PDB file of N, CA and C in Angstrom:
ATOM      1  N   MET A   1     -14.235 -20.438  -5.741  1.00  0.00           N
ATOM      2  CA  MET A   1     -15.430 -19.713  -5.384  1.00  0.00           C
ATOM      3  C   MET A   1     -15.820 -20.071  -3.954  1.00  0.00           C
ATOM      4  N   LYS A   2     -16.199 -19.081  -3.158  1.00  0.00           N
ATOM      5  CA  LYS A   2     -16.580 -19.325  -1.777  1.00  0.00           C
ATOM      6  C   LYS A   2     -17.932 -20.011  -1.707  1.00  0.00           C
ATOM      7  N   GLU A   3     -18.047 -20.916  -0.737  1.00  0.00           N
ATOM      8  CA  GLU A   3     -19.323 -21.576  -0.521  1.00  0.00           C
ATOM      9  C   GLU A   3     -20.154 -20.707   0.416  1.00  0.00           C
ATOM     10  N   VAL A   4     -21.391 -20.469   0.058  1.00  0.00           N
ATOM     11  CA  VAL A   4     -22.276 -19.656   0.882  1.00  0.00           C
ATOM     12  C   VAL A   4     -23.052 -20.586   1.792  1.00  0.00           C
ATOM     13  N   THR A   5     -23.005 -20.305   3.083  1.00  0.00           N
ATOM     14  CA  THR A   5     -23.745 -21.120   4.036  1.00  0.00           C
ATOM     15  C   THR A   5     -24.791 -20.263   4.724  1.00  0.00           C
ATOM     16  N   PHE A   6     -25.873 -20.890   5.128  1.00  0.00           N
ATOM     17  CA  PHE A   6     -26.962 -20.182   5.781  1.00  0.00           C
ATOM     18  C   PHE A   6     -26.937 -20.510   7.260  1.00  0.00           C
ATOM     19  N   CYS A   7     -27.130 -19.507   8.069  1.00  0.00           N
ATOM     20  CA  CYS A   7     -27.103 -19.676   9.519  1.00  0.00           C
ATOM     21  C   CYS A   7     -28.497 -19.348  10.057  1.00  0.00           C
ATOM     22  N   SER A   8     -29.182 -20.346  10.592  1.00  0.00           N
ATOM     23  CA  SER A   8     -30.542 -20.108  11.080  1.00  0.00           C
ATOM     24  C   SER A   8     -30.551 -19.486  12.477  1.00  0.00           C
ATOM     25  N   GLN A   9     -29.538 -19.793  13.270  1.00  0.00           N
ATOM     26  CA  GLN A   9     -29.461 -19.212  14.617  1.00  0.00           C
ATOM     27  C   GLN A   9     -28.305 -18.227  14.667  1.00  0.00           C
ATOM     28  N   LYS A  10     -28.549 -17.096  15.312  1.00  0.00           N
ATOM     29  CA  LYS A  10     -27.513 -16.073  15.450  1.00  0.00           C
ATOM     30  C   LYS A  10     -27.359 -15.749  16.935  1.00  0.00           C
ATOM     31  N   PRO A  11     -26.585 -16.576  17.632  1.00  0.00           N
ATOM     32  CA  PRO A  11     -26.495 -16.435  19.087  1.00  0.00           C
ATOM     33  C   PRO A  11     -25.592 -15.306  19.588  1.00  0.00           C
ATOM     34  N   PHE A  12     -24.832 -14.672  18.705  1.00  0.00           N
ATOM     35  CA  PHE A  12     -23.895 -13.634  19.138  1.00  0.00           C
ATOM     36  C   PHE A  12     -24.481 -12.254  18.855  1.00  0.00           C
ATOM     37  N   SER A  13     -24.810 -11.532  19.927  1.00  0.00           N
ATOM     38  CA  SER A  13     -25.484 -10.234  19.814  1.00  0.00           C
ATOM     39  C   SER A  13     -24.539  -9.088  20.118  1.00  0.00           C
ATOM     40  N   CYS A  14     -24.686  -8.027  19.361  1.00  0.00           N
ATOM     41  CA  CYS A  14     -23.907  -6.817  19.594  1.00  0.00           C
ATOM     42  C   CYS A  14     -24.539  -6.041  20.744  1.00  0.00           C
ATOM     43  N   ASP A  15     -23.723  -5.599  21.697  1.00  0.00           N
ATOM     44  CA  ASP A  15     -24.214  -4.821  22.838  1.00  0.00           C
ATOM     45  C   ASP A  15     -24.535  -3.380  22.459  1.00  0.00           C
ATOM     46  N   ASN A  16     -24.045  -2.936  21.310  1.00  0.00           N
ATOM     47  CA  ASN A  16     -24.219  -1.542  20.904  1.00  0.00           C
ATOM     48  C   ASN A  16     -25.380  -1.307  19.944  1.00  0.00           C
ATOM     49  N   CYS A  17     -25.862  -2.353  19.313  1.00  0.00           N
ATOM     50  CA  CYS A  17     -26.978  -2.212  18.375  1.00  0.00           C
ATOM     51  C   CYS A  17     -27.774  -3.512  18.366  1.00  0.00           C
ATOM     52  N   ASP A  18     -28.741  -3.615  17.506  1.00  0.00           N
ATOM     53  CA  ASP A  18     -29.619  -4.793  17.513  1.00  0.00           C
ATOM     54  C   ASP A  18     -29.198  -5.900  16.549  1.00  0.00           C
ATOM     55  N   LYS A  19     -27.954  -5.896  16.109  1.00  0.00           N
ATOM     56  CA  LYS A  19     -27.503  -6.918  15.160  1.00  0.00           C
ATOM     57  C   LYS A  19     -27.056  -8.188  15.884  1.00  0.00           C
ATOM     58  N   ASN A  20     -27.326  -9.330  15.223  1.00  0.00           N
ATOM     59  CA  ASN A  20     -26.928 -10.638  15.738  1.00  0.00           C
ATOM     60  C   ASN A  20     -26.112 -11.359  14.679  1.00  0.00           C
ATOM     61  N   PHE A  21     -25.215 -12.252  15.144  1.00  0.00           N
ATOM     62  CA  PHE A  21     -24.294 -12.917  14.233  1.00  0.00           C
ATOM     63  C   PHE A  21     -24.200 -14.407  14.513  1.00  0.00           C
ATOM     64  N   CYS A  22     -23.833 -15.153  13.481  1.00  0.00           N
ATOM     65  CA  CYS A  22     -23.699 -16.608  13.579  1.00  0.00           C
ATOM     66  C   CYS A  22     -22.455 -17.018  14.363  1.00  0.00           C
ATOM     67  N   THR A  23     -21.385 -16.252  14.212  1.00  0.00           N
ATOM     68  CA  THR A  23     -20.121 -16.629  14.848  1.00  0.00           C
ATOM     69  C   THR A  23     -19.561 -15.486  15.686  1.00  0.00           C
ATOM     70  N   ARG A  24     -18.740 -15.852  16.646  1.00  0.00           N
ATOM     71  CA  ARG A  24     -18.087 -14.841  17.481  1.00  0.00           C
ATOM     72  C   ARG A  24     -17.159 -13.967  16.626  1.00  0.00           C
ATOM     73  N   TYR A  25     -16.515 -14.577  15.633  1.00  0.00           N
ATOM     74  CA  TYR A  25     -15.634 -13.821  14.739  1.00  0.00           C
ATOM     75  C   TYR A  25     -16.401 -12.701  14.041  1.00  0.00           C
ATOM     76  N   GLN A  26     -17.592 -13.012  13.521  1.00  0.00           N
ATOM     77  CA  GLN A  26     -18.400 -11.993  12.845  1.00  0.00           C
ATOM     78  C   GLN A  26     -18.770 -10.864  13.802  1.00  0.00           C
ATOM     79  N   LEU A  27     -19.122 -11.218  15.032  1.00  0.00           N
ATOM     80  CA  LEU A  27     -19.461 -10.203  16.031  1.00  0.00           C
ATOM     81  C   LEU A  27     -18.246  -9.335  16.346  1.00  0.00           C
ATOM     82  N   THR A  28     -17.104  -9.957  16.550  1.00  0.00           N
ATOM     83  CA  THR A  28     -15.880  -9.213  16.877  1.00  0.00           C
ATOM     84  C   THR A  28     -15.517  -8.252  15.752  1.00  0.00           C
ATOM     85  N   ARG A  29     -15.612  -8.710  14.526  1.00  0.00           N
ATOM     86  CA  ARG A  29     -15.326  -7.856  13.373  1.00  0.00           C
ATOM     87  C   ARG A  29     -16.328  -6.703  13.298  1.00  0.00           C
ATOM     88  N   HIS A  30     -17.609  -6.987  13.556  1.00  0.00           N
ATOM     89  CA  HIS A  30     -18.651  -5.952  13.539  1.00  0.00           C
ATOM     90  C   HIS A  30     -18.407  -4.901  14.622  1.00  0.00           C
ATOM     91  N   GLU A  31     -17.985  -5.337  15.799  1.00  0.00           N
ATOM     92  CA  GLU A  31     -17.790  -4.408  16.922  1.00  0.00           C
ATOM     93  C   GLU A  31     -16.751  -3.334  16.615  1.00  0.00           C
ATOM     94  N   LEU A  32     -15.861  -3.595  15.682  1.00  0.00           N
ATOM     95  CA  LEU A  32     -14.866  -2.593  15.295  1.00  0.00           C
ATOM     96  C   LEU A  32     -15.528  -1.338  14.738  1.00  0.00           C
ATOM     97  N   CYS A  33     -16.702  -1.474  14.120  1.00  0.00           N
ATOM     98  CA  CYS A  33     -17.369  -0.288  13.565  1.00  0.00           C
ATOM     99  C   CYS A  33     -17.867   0.627  14.678  1.00  0.00           C
ATOM    100  N   HIS A  34     -18.103   0.092  15.874  1.00  0.00           N
ATOM    101  CA  HIS A  34     -18.541   0.916  17.006  1.00  0.00           C
ATOM    102  C   HIS A  34     -17.352   1.525  17.750  1.00  0.00           C
ATOM    103  N   SER A  35     -16.248   0.797  17.798  1.00  0.00           N
ATOM    104  CA  SER A  35     -15.084   1.256  18.572  1.00  0.00           C
ATOM    105  C   SER A  35     -14.272   2.306  17.830  1.00  0.00           C
ATOM    106  N   GLY A  36     -14.396   2.324  16.508  1.00  0.00           N
ATOM    107  CA  GLY A  36     -13.589   3.247  15.714  1.00  0.00           C
ATOM    108  C   GLY A  36     -12.192   2.712  15.451  1.00  0.00           C
ATOM    109  N   GLU A  37     -11.887   1.536  15.978  1.00  0.00           N
ATOM    110  CA  GLU A  37     -10.563   0.936  15.784  1.00  0.00           C
ATOM    111  C   GLU A  37     -10.401   0.507  14.328  1.00  0.00           C
ATOM    112  N   LYS A  38      -9.237   0.799  13.788  1.00  0.00           N
ATOM    113  CA  LYS A  38      -8.909   0.417  12.412  1.00  0.00           C
ATOM    114  C   LYS A  38      -7.548  -0.271  12.429  1.00  0.00           C
ATOM    115  N   PRO A  39      -7.555  -1.576  12.684  1.00  0.00           N
ATOM    116  CA  PRO A  39      -6.293  -2.297  12.884  1.00  0.00           C
ATOM    117  C   PRO A  39      -5.481  -2.571  11.620  1.00  0.00           C
ATOM    118  N   HIS A  40      -6.060  -2.395  10.462  1.00  0.00           N
ATOM    119  CA  HIS A  40      -5.355  -2.704   9.212  1.00  0.00           C
ATOM    120  C   HIS A  40      -4.789  -1.422   8.614  1.00  0.00           C
ATOM    121  N   LYS A  41      -3.488  -1.213   8.827  1.00  0.00           N
ATOM    122  CA  LYS A  41      -2.805   0.023   8.419  1.00  0.00           C
ATOM    123  C   LYS A  41      -2.121  -0.156   7.066  1.00  0.00           C
ATOM    124  N   CYS A  42      -2.179   0.883   6.257  1.00  0.00           N
ATOM    125  CA  CYS A  42      -1.490   0.869   4.968  1.00  0.00           C
ATOM    126  C   CYS A  42       0.015   0.949   5.221  1.00  0.00           C
ATOM    127  N   ALA A  43       0.768   0.046   4.590  1.00  0.00           N
ATOM    128  CA  ALA A  43       2.213  -0.035   4.806  1.00  0.00           C
ATOM    129  C   ALA A  43       3.017   0.845   3.851  1.00  0.00           C
ATOM    130  N   VAL A  44       2.351   1.522   2.928  1.00  0.00           N
ATOM    131  CA  VAL A  44       3.054   2.367   1.969  1.00  0.00           C
ATOM    132  C   VAL A  44       3.566   3.618   2.675  1.00  0.00           C
ATOM    133  N   GLU A  45       4.856   3.892   2.497  1.00  0.00           N
ATOM    134  CA  GLU A  45       5.485   5.036   3.157  1.00  0.00           C
ATOM    135  C   GLU A  45       4.759   6.333   2.796  1.00  0.00           C
ATOM    136  N   GLY A  46       4.430   7.110   3.833  1.00  0.00           N
ATOM    137  CA  GLY A  46       3.755   8.386   3.627  1.00  0.00           C
ATOM    138  C   GLY A  46       2.241   8.297   3.611  1.00  0.00           C
ATOM    139  N   CYS A  47       1.687   7.103   3.649  1.00  0.00           N
ATOM    140  CA  CYS A  47       0.229   6.929   3.651  1.00  0.00           C
ATOM    141  C   CYS A  47      -0.220   6.601   5.070  1.00  0.00           C
ATOM    142  N   SER A  48      -1.174   7.351   5.571  1.00  0.00           N
ATOM    143  CA  SER A  48      -1.637   7.153   6.949  1.00  0.00           C
ATOM    144  C   SER A  48      -3.015   6.497   7.019  1.00  0.00           C
ATOM    145  N   GLN A  49      -3.483   5.947   5.923  1.00  0.00           N
ATOM    146  CA  GLN A  49      -4.811   5.332   5.901  1.00  0.00           C
ATOM    147  C   GLN A  49      -4.832   4.051   6.733  1.00  0.00           C
ATOM    148  N   ALA A  50      -5.977   3.805   7.373  1.00  0.00           N
ATOM    149  CA  ALA A  50      -6.187   2.589   8.149  1.00  0.00           C
ATOM    150  C   ALA A  50      -7.628   2.139   7.937  1.00  0.00           C
ATOM    151  N   PHE A  51      -7.863   0.837   8.104  1.00  0.00           N
ATOM    152  CA  PHE A  51      -9.161   0.270   7.756  1.00  0.00           C
ATOM    153  C   PHE A  51      -9.622  -0.753   8.784  1.00  0.00           C
ATOM    154  N   VAL A  52     -10.943  -0.938   8.841  1.00  0.00           N
ATOM    155  CA  VAL A  52     -11.537  -1.909   9.755  1.00  0.00           C
ATOM    156  C   VAL A  52     -11.237  -3.328   9.282  1.00  0.00           C
ATOM    157  N   THR A  53     -11.321  -3.560   7.988  1.00  0.00           N
ATOM    158  CA  THR A  53     -11.108  -4.914   7.462  1.00  0.00           C
ATOM    159  C   THR A  53      -9.895  -4.976   6.534  1.00  0.00           C
ATOM    160  N   ASN A  54      -9.334  -6.162   6.446  1.00  0.00           N
ATOM    161  CA  ASN A  54      -8.211  -6.385   5.545  1.00  0.00           C
ATOM    162  C   ASN A  54      -8.662  -6.230   4.090  1.00  0.00           C
ATOM    163  N   ALA A  55      -9.894  -6.604   3.799  1.00  0.00           N
ATOM    164  CA  ALA A  55     -10.421  -6.458   2.435  1.00  0.00           C
ATOM    165  C   ALA A  55     -10.434  -4.990   2.017  1.00  0.00           C
ATOM    166  N   SER A  56     -10.801  -4.107   2.935  1.00  0.00           N
ATOM    167  CA  SER A  56     -10.813  -2.667   2.629  1.00  0.00           C
ATOM    168  C   SER A  56      -9.397  -2.155   2.388  1.00  0.00           C
ATOM    169  N   LEU A  57      -8.438  -2.658   3.156  1.00  0.00           N
ATOM    170  CA  LEU A  57      -7.038  -2.275   2.961  1.00  0.00           C
ATOM    171  C   LEU A  57      -6.556  -2.719   1.580  1.00  0.00           C
ATOM    172  N   LYS A  58      -6.869  -3.946   1.190  1.00  0.00           N
ATOM    173  CA  LYS A  58      -6.450  -4.452  -0.123  1.00  0.00           C
ATOM    174  C   LYS A  58      -7.066  -3.627  -1.246  1.00  0.00           C
ATOM    175  N   ASN A  59      -8.326  -3.255  -1.087  1.00  0.00           N
ATOM    176  CA  ASN A  59      -9.000  -2.426  -2.089  1.00  0.00           C
ATOM    177  C   ASN A  59      -8.300  -1.071  -2.216  1.00  0.00           C
ATOM    178  N   HIS A  60      -7.979  -0.462  -1.086  1.00  0.00           N
ATOM    179  CA  HIS A  60      -7.271   0.823  -1.066  1.00  0.00           C
ATOM    180  C   HIS A  60      -5.924   0.708  -1.774  1.00  0.00           C
ATOM    181  N   THR A  61      -5.173  -0.322  -1.428  1.00  0.00           N
ATOM    182  CA  THR A  61      -3.833  -0.507  -1.990  1.00  0.00           C
ATOM    183  C   THR A  61      -3.891  -0.660  -3.504  1.00  0.00           C
ATOM    184  N   SER A  62      -4.833  -1.457  -3.982  1.00  0.00           N
ATOM    185  CA  SER A  62      -4.904  -1.669  -5.431  1.00  0.00           C
ATOM    186  C   SER A  62      -5.407  -0.432  -6.170  1.00  0.00           C
ATOM    187  N   ARG A  63      -6.224   0.399  -5.523  1.00  0.00           N
ATOM    188  CA  ARG A  63      -6.768   1.585  -6.197  1.00  0.00           C
ATOM    189  C   ARG A  63      -5.839   2.794  -6.140  1.00  0.00           C
ATOM    190  N   PHE A  64      -5.111   2.962  -5.034  1.00  0.00           N
ATOM    191  CA  PHE A  64      -4.369   4.204  -4.835  1.00  0.00           C
ATOM    192  C   PHE A  64      -2.856   4.091  -4.882  1.00  0.00           C
ATOM    193  N   HIS A  65      -2.320   2.893  -4.823  1.00  0.00           N
ATOM    194  CA  HIS A  65      -0.868   2.738  -4.853  1.00  0.00           C
ATOM    195  C   HIS A  65      -0.499   1.900  -6.069  1.00  0.00           C
ATOM    196  N   LYS A  66       0.167   2.530  -6.998  1.00  0.00           N
ATOM    197  CA  LYS A  66       0.535   1.865  -8.250  1.00  0.00           C
ATOM    198  C   LYS A  66       1.409   0.651  -7.956  1.00  0.00           C
ATOM    199  N   GLN A  67       1.063  -0.438  -8.591  1.00  0.00           N
ATOM    200  CA  GLN A  67       1.876  -1.639  -8.499  1.00  0.00           C
ATOM    201  C   GLN A  67       2.808  -1.656  -9.704  1.00  0.00           C
ATOM    202  N   GLU A  68       3.922  -2.348  -9.563  1.00  0.00           N
ATOM    203  CA  GLU A  68       4.813  -2.489 -10.716  1.00  0.00           C
ATOM    204  C   GLU A  68       4.084  -3.312 -11.772  1.00  0.00           C
ATOM    205  N   LYS A  69       4.036  -2.791 -12.961  1.00  0.00           N
ATOM    206  CA  LYS A  69       3.350  -3.486 -14.048  1.00  0.00           C
ATOM    207  C   LYS A  69       4.364  -4.393 -14.735  1.00  0.00           C
ATOM    208  N   LYS A  70       4.211  -5.701 -14.503  1.00  0.00           N
ATOM    209  CA  LYS A  70       5.239  -6.637 -14.951  1.00  0.00           C
ATOM    210  C   LYS A  70       5.029  -7.192 -16.356  1.00  0.00           C
ATOM    211  N   TYR A  71       3.896  -6.902 -16.993  1.00  0.00           N
ATOM    212  CA  TYR A  71       3.655  -7.378 -18.353  1.00  0.00           C
ATOM    213  C   TYR A  71       3.740  -6.194 -19.309  1.00  0.00           C
ATOM    214  N   LYS A  72       4.727  -6.236 -20.204  1.00  0.00           N
ATOM    215  CA  LYS A  72       4.923  -5.133 -21.136  1.00  0.00           C
ATOM    216  C   LYS A  72       4.697  -5.615 -22.566  1.00  0.00           C
ATOM    217  N   CYS A  73       4.046  -4.778 -23.339  1.00  0.00           N
ATOM    218  CA  CYS A  73       3.804  -5.081 -24.753  1.00  0.00           C
ATOM    219  C   CYS A  73       5.149  -5.055 -25.482  1.00  0.00           C
ATOM    220  N   ASN A  74       5.433  -6.108 -26.240  1.00  0.00           N
ATOM    221  CA  ASN A  74       6.705  -6.158 -26.965  1.00  0.00           C
ATOM    222  C   ASN A  74       6.529  -5.830 -28.443  1.00  0.00           C
ATOM    223  N   PHE A  75       5.372  -5.297 -28.807  1.00  0.00           N
ATOM    224  CA  PHE A  75       5.152  -4.881 -30.188  1.00  0.00           C
ATOM    225  C   PHE A  75       6.042  -3.680 -30.471  1.00  0.00           C
ATOM    226  N   GLN A  76       6.591  -3.605 -31.666  1.00  0.00           N
ATOM    227  CA  GLN A  76       7.565  -2.577 -32.037  1.00  0.00           C
ATOM    228  C   GLN A  76       7.104  -1.172 -31.642  1.00  0.00           C
ATOM    229  N   GLY A  77       7.885  -0.539 -30.744  1.00  0.00           N
ATOM    230  CA  GLY A  77       7.646   0.842 -30.345  1.00  0.00           C
ATOM    231  C   GLY A  77       6.541   1.057 -29.330  1.00  0.00           C
ATOM    232  N   CYS A  78       5.940   0.012 -28.788  1.00  0.00           N
ATOM    233  CA  CYS A  78       4.812   0.205 -27.871  1.00  0.00           C
ATOM    234  C   CYS A  78       5.257   0.176 -26.404  1.00  0.00           C
ATOM    235  N   GLU A  79       5.602  -0.986 -25.889  1.00  0.00           N
ATOM    236  CA  GLU A  79       6.057  -1.183 -24.508  1.00  0.00           C
ATOM    237  C   GLU A  79       5.063  -0.719 -23.446  1.00  0.00           C
ATOM    238  N   GLU A  80       3.764  -0.676 -23.756  1.00  0.00           N
ATOM    239  CA  GLU A  80       2.762  -0.289 -22.761  1.00  0.00           C
ATOM    240  C   GLU A  80       2.714  -1.351 -21.661  1.00  0.00           C
ATOM    241  N   PRO A  81       2.733  -0.937 -20.379  1.00  0.00           N
ATOM    242  CA  PRO A  81       2.757  -1.904 -19.281  1.00  0.00           C
ATOM    243  C   PRO A  81       1.348  -2.271 -18.782  1.00  0.00           C
ATOM    244  N   PHE A  82       1.234  -3.485 -18.239  1.00  0.00           N
ATOM    245  CA  PHE A  82      -0.036  -3.982 -17.702  1.00  0.00           C
ATOM    246  C   PHE A  82       0.214  -4.752 -16.411  1.00  0.00           C
ATOM    247  N   ASN A  83      -0.780  -4.743 -15.517  1.00  0.00           N
ATOM    248  CA  ASN A  83      -0.688  -5.494 -14.266  1.00  0.00           C
ATOM    249  C   ASN A  83      -0.946  -6.980 -14.482  1.00  0.00           C
ATOM    250  N   LYS A  84      -1.824  -7.305 -15.421  1.00  0.00           N
ATOM    251  CA  LYS A  84      -2.244  -8.689 -15.610  1.00  0.00           C
ATOM    252  C   LYS A  84      -1.981  -9.140 -17.046  1.00  0.00           C
ATOM    253  N   ARG A  85      -1.657 -10.430 -17.174  1.00  0.00           N
ATOM    254  CA  ARG A  85      -1.356 -10.993 -18.488  1.00  0.00           C
ATOM    255  C   ARG A  85      -2.567 -10.904 -19.420  1.00  0.00           C
ATOM    256  N   ASN A  86      -3.777 -11.118 -18.882  1.00  0.00           N
ATOM    257  CA  ASN A  86      -4.955 -11.064 -19.752  1.00  0.00           C
ATOM    258  C   ASN A  86      -5.202  -9.649 -20.280  1.00  0.00           C
ATOM    259  N   GLN A  87      -4.769  -8.628 -19.542  1.00  0.00           N
ATOM    260  CA  GLN A  87      -4.882  -7.252 -20.039  1.00  0.00           C
ATOM    261  C   GLN A  87      -3.943  -7.046 -21.232  1.00  0.00           C
ATOM    262  N   LEU A  88      -2.748  -7.589 -21.134  1.00  0.00           N
ATOM    263  CA  LEU A  88      -1.793  -7.511 -22.244  1.00  0.00           C
ATOM    264  C   LEU A  88      -2.332  -8.263 -23.463  1.00  0.00           C
ATOM    265  N   THR A  89      -2.882  -9.449 -23.229  1.00  0.00           N
ATOM    266  CA  THR A  89      -3.436 -10.250 -24.324  1.00  0.00           C
ATOM    267  C   THR A  89      -4.541  -9.486 -25.051  1.00  0.00           C
ATOM    268  N   ALA A  90      -5.427  -8.857 -24.290  1.00  0.00           N
ATOM    269  CA  ALA A  90      -6.506  -8.071 -24.900  1.00  0.00           C
ATOM    270  C   ALA A  90      -5.943  -6.864 -25.651  1.00  0.00           C
ATOM    271  N   HIS A  91      -4.913  -6.246 -25.092  1.00  0.00           N
ATOM    272  CA  HIS A  91      -4.289  -5.079 -25.720  1.00  0.00           C
ATOM    273  C   HIS A  91      -3.683  -5.428 -27.080  1.00  0.00           C
ATOM    274  N   MET A  92      -3.141  -6.619 -27.224  1.00  0.00           N
ATOM    275  CA  MET A  92      -2.481  -7.010 -28.469  1.00  0.00           C
ATOM    276  C   MET A  92      -3.414  -6.899 -29.679  1.00  0.00           C
ATOM    277  N   PHE A  93      -4.721  -6.957 -29.453  1.00  0.00           N
ATOM    278  CA  PHE A  93      -5.689  -6.799 -30.542  1.00  0.00           C
ATOM    279  C   PHE A  93      -5.514  -5.452 -31.236  1.00  0.00           C
ATOM    280  N   VAL A  94      -5.114  -4.434 -30.494  1.00  0.00           N
ATOM    281  CA  VAL A  94      -4.880  -3.098 -31.059  1.00  0.00           C
ATOM    282  C   VAL A  94      -3.846  -3.176 -32.180  1.00  0.00           C
ATOM    283  N   HIS A  95      -2.842  -4.011 -31.988  1.00  0.00           N
ATOM    284  CA  HIS A  95      -1.754  -4.114 -32.962  1.00  0.00           C
ATOM    285  C   HIS A  95      -2.039  -5.132 -34.069  1.00  0.00           C
ATOM    286  N   THR A  96      -2.592  -6.269 -33.697  1.00  0.00           N
ATOM    287  CA  THR A  96      -2.708  -7.379 -34.647  1.00  0.00           C
ATOM    288  C   THR A  96      -4.077  -7.488 -35.310  1.00  0.00           C
ATOM    289  N   LYS A  97      -5.073  -6.891 -34.711  1.00  0.00           N
ATOM    290  CA  LYS A  97      -6.468  -6.981 -35.180  1.00  0.00           C
ATOM    291  C   LYS A  97      -6.979  -8.421 -35.212  1.00  0.00           C
ATOM    292  N   SER A  98      -6.260  -9.325 -34.533  1.00  0.00           N
ATOM    293  CA  SER A  98      -6.759 -10.694 -34.439  1.00  0.00           C
ATOM    294  C   SER A  98      -7.052 -10.992 -32.973  1.00  0.00           C
ATOM    295  N   LEU A  99      -8.178 -11.635 -32.745  1.00  0.00           N
ATOM    296  CA  LEU A  99      -8.594 -11.951 -31.383  1.00  0.00           C
ATOM    297  C   LEU A  99      -7.700 -13.040 -30.803  1.00  0.00           C
ATOM    298  N   PRO A 100      -7.451 -13.003 -29.485  1.00  0.00           N
ATOM    299  CA  PRO A 100      -6.602 -14.014 -28.856  1.00  0.00           C
ATOM    300  C   PRO A 100      -7.347 -15.328 -28.610  1.00  0.00           C
ATOM    301  N   PHE A 101      -8.524 -15.484 -29.214  1.00  0.00           N
ATOM    302  CA  PHE A 101      -9.319 -16.695 -29.061  1.00  0.00           C
ATOM    303  C   PHE A 101     -10.139 -16.865 -30.340  1.00  0.00           C
ATOM    304  N   GLN A 102     -10.723 -18.046 -30.510  1.00  0.00           N
ATOM    305  CA  GLN A 102     -11.546 -18.293 -31.692  1.00  0.00           C
ATOM    306  C   GLN A 102     -13.011 -18.290 -31.301  1.00  0.00           C
ATOM    307  N   LEU A 103     -13.841 -17.715 -32.157  1.00  0.00           N
ATOM    308  CA  LEU A 103     -15.276 -17.719 -31.929  1.00  0.00           C
ATOM    309  C   LEU A 103     -15.857 -19.001 -32.498  1.00  0.00           C
ATOM    310  N   SER A 104     -16.726 -19.652 -31.735  1.00  0.00           N
ATOM    311  CA  SER A 104     -17.396 -20.845 -32.254  1.00  0.00           C
ATOM    312  C   SER A 104     -18.887 -20.559 -32.332  1.00  0.00           C
ATOM    313  N   MET A 105     -19.478 -20.992 -33.415  1.00  0.00           N
ATOM    314  CA  MET A 105     -20.917 -20.727 -33.606  1.00  0.00           C
ATOM    315  C   MET A 105     -21.662 -22.006 -33.823  1.00  0.00           C
TER     316      MET A 105
END
Protein backbone atom coordinates (compact mmCIF):
# COMPACT_ATOMS: atom_id res chain seq x y z
CA MET A 1 0.00 0.00 0.00
CA LYS A 2 1.33 3.45 -0.88
CA GLU A 3 2.15 5.82 1.92
CA VAL A 4 0.31 9.13 1.65
CA THR A 5 2.39 12.16 2.50
CA PHE A 6 1.24 15.73 3.00
CA CYS A 7 3.07 18.63 1.42
CA SER A 8 2.58 21.98 3.14
CA GLN A 9 4.65 23.98 0.65
CA LYS A 10 4.11 23.81 -3.10
CA PRO A 11 7.00 25.72 -4.64
CA PHE A 12 6.53 24.49 -8.22
CA SER A 13 3.99 26.59 -10.13
CA CYS A 14 2.47 25.95 -13.52
CA ASP A 15 2.98 28.84 -15.96
CA ASN A 16 -0.26 27.97 -17.77
CA CYS A 17 -2.70 27.86 -14.86
CA ASP A 18 -2.87 28.57 -11.14
CA LYS A 19 -1.88 25.09 -9.91
CA ASN A 20 1.11 24.52 -7.62
CA PHE A 21 2.97 21.30 -6.87
CA CYS A 22 5.22 19.82 -4.19
CA THR A 23 7.75 18.36 -6.61
CA ARG A 24 9.18 19.22 -10.00
CA TYR A 25 8.11 15.76 -11.21
CA GLN A 26 4.46 16.52 -10.39
CA LEU A 27 4.70 19.84 -12.24
CA THR A 28 6.34 18.23 -15.28
CA ARG A 29 3.67 15.54 -15.42
CA HIS A 30 0.91 18.18 -15.05
CA GLU A 31 2.37 20.33 -17.85
CA LEU A 32 1.69 17.49 -20.30
CA CYS A 33 -2.04 18.28 -20.05
CA HIS A 34 -1.33 21.76 -21.48
CA SER A 35 1.09 20.66 -24.20
CA GLY A 36 -1.14 17.91 -25.57
CA GLU A 37 1.86 15.57 -25.54
CA LYS A 38 1.00 11.93 -24.92
CA PRO A 39 4.30 10.08 -24.50
CA HIS A 40 2.84 6.72 -23.47
CA LYS A 41 1.89 4.89 -26.68
CA CYS A 42 -0.05 1.64 -26.88
CA ALA A 43 2.26 -1.09 -28.21
CA VAL A 44 -0.54 -3.32 -29.53
CA GLU A 45 -0.33 -3.63 -33.31
CA GLY A 46 -3.03 -1.59 -35.03
CA CYS A 47 -3.83 0.53 -31.96
CA SER A 48 -2.93 4.21 -32.21
CA GLN A 49 -3.96 5.26 -28.70
CA ALA A 50 -1.57 7.37 -26.63
CA PHE A 51 -1.79 8.68 -23.08
CA VAL A 52 -0.39 11.36 -20.79
CA THR A 53 0.36 8.91 -17.98
CA ASN A 54 1.59 5.34 -17.84
CA ALA A 55 -1.30 4.54 -15.48
CA SER A 56 -3.79 5.56 -18.19
CA LEU A 57 -1.98 3.36 -20.71
CA LYS A 58 -2.14 0.36 -18.34
CA ASN A 59 -5.85 0.96 -17.77
CA HIS A 60 -6.45 1.09 -21.54
CA THR A 61 -4.46 -2.09 -22.15
CA SER A 62 -6.30 -4.07 -19.50
CA ARG A 63 -9.74 -2.86 -20.65
CA PHE A 64 -9.41 -3.03 -24.43
CA HIS A 65 -6.76 -5.62 -25.28
CA LYS A 66 -7.53 -9.17 -24.25
CA GLN A 67 -4.80 -10.81 -22.27
CA GLU A 68 -4.12 -14.52 -22.52
CA LYS A 69 -6.19 -16.14 -19.81
CA LYS A 70 -3.79 -18.57 -18.18
CA TYR A 71 -6.13 -20.12 -15.57
CA LYS A 72 -8.58 -22.62 -17.02
CA CYS A 73 -11.32 -24.50 -15.20
CA ASN A 74 -10.52 -28.22 -15.26
CA PHE A 75 -14.01 -29.32 -14.25
CA GLN A 76 -15.38 -31.89 -16.71
CA GLY A 77 -16.51 -30.15 -19.91
CA CYS A 78 -16.03 -26.57 -18.69
CA GLU A 79 -12.54 -25.18 -19.49
CA GLU A 80 -13.69 -21.57 -18.91
CA PRO A 81 -10.60 -19.30 -18.88
CA PHE A 82 -9.72 -16.63 -16.29
CA ASN A 83 -7.04 -13.94 -15.95
CA LYS A 84 -6.58 -14.41 -12.21
CA ARG A 85 -6.38 -17.47 -9.99
CA ASN A 86 -8.86 -16.01 -7.49
CA GLN A 87 -11.42 -15.64 -10.30
CA LEU A 88 -11.04 -19.35 -11.09
CA THR A 89 -11.35 -20.22 -7.39
CA ALA A 90 -14.59 -18.24 -7.12
CA HIS A 91 -15.89 -19.82 -10.34
CA MET A 92 -15.40 -23.34 -8.95
CA PHE A 93 -18.35 -22.68 -6.61
CA VAL A 94 -20.61 -22.99 -9.68
CA HIS A 95 -19.55 -26.62 -10.01
CA THR A 96 -18.95 -27.75 -6.44
CA LYS A 97 -21.37 -25.57 -4.45
CA SER A 98 -18.72 -25.44 -1.74
CA LEU A 99 -17.01 -22.20 -0.80
CA PRO A 100 -13.21 -22.03 -1.23
CA PHE A 101 -12.97 -20.81 2.39
CA GLN A 102 -14.62 -21.51 5.74
CA LEU A 103 -16.97 -19.10 7.48
CA SER A 104 -16.22 -18.44 11.14
CA MET A 105 -18.83 -17.06 13.48
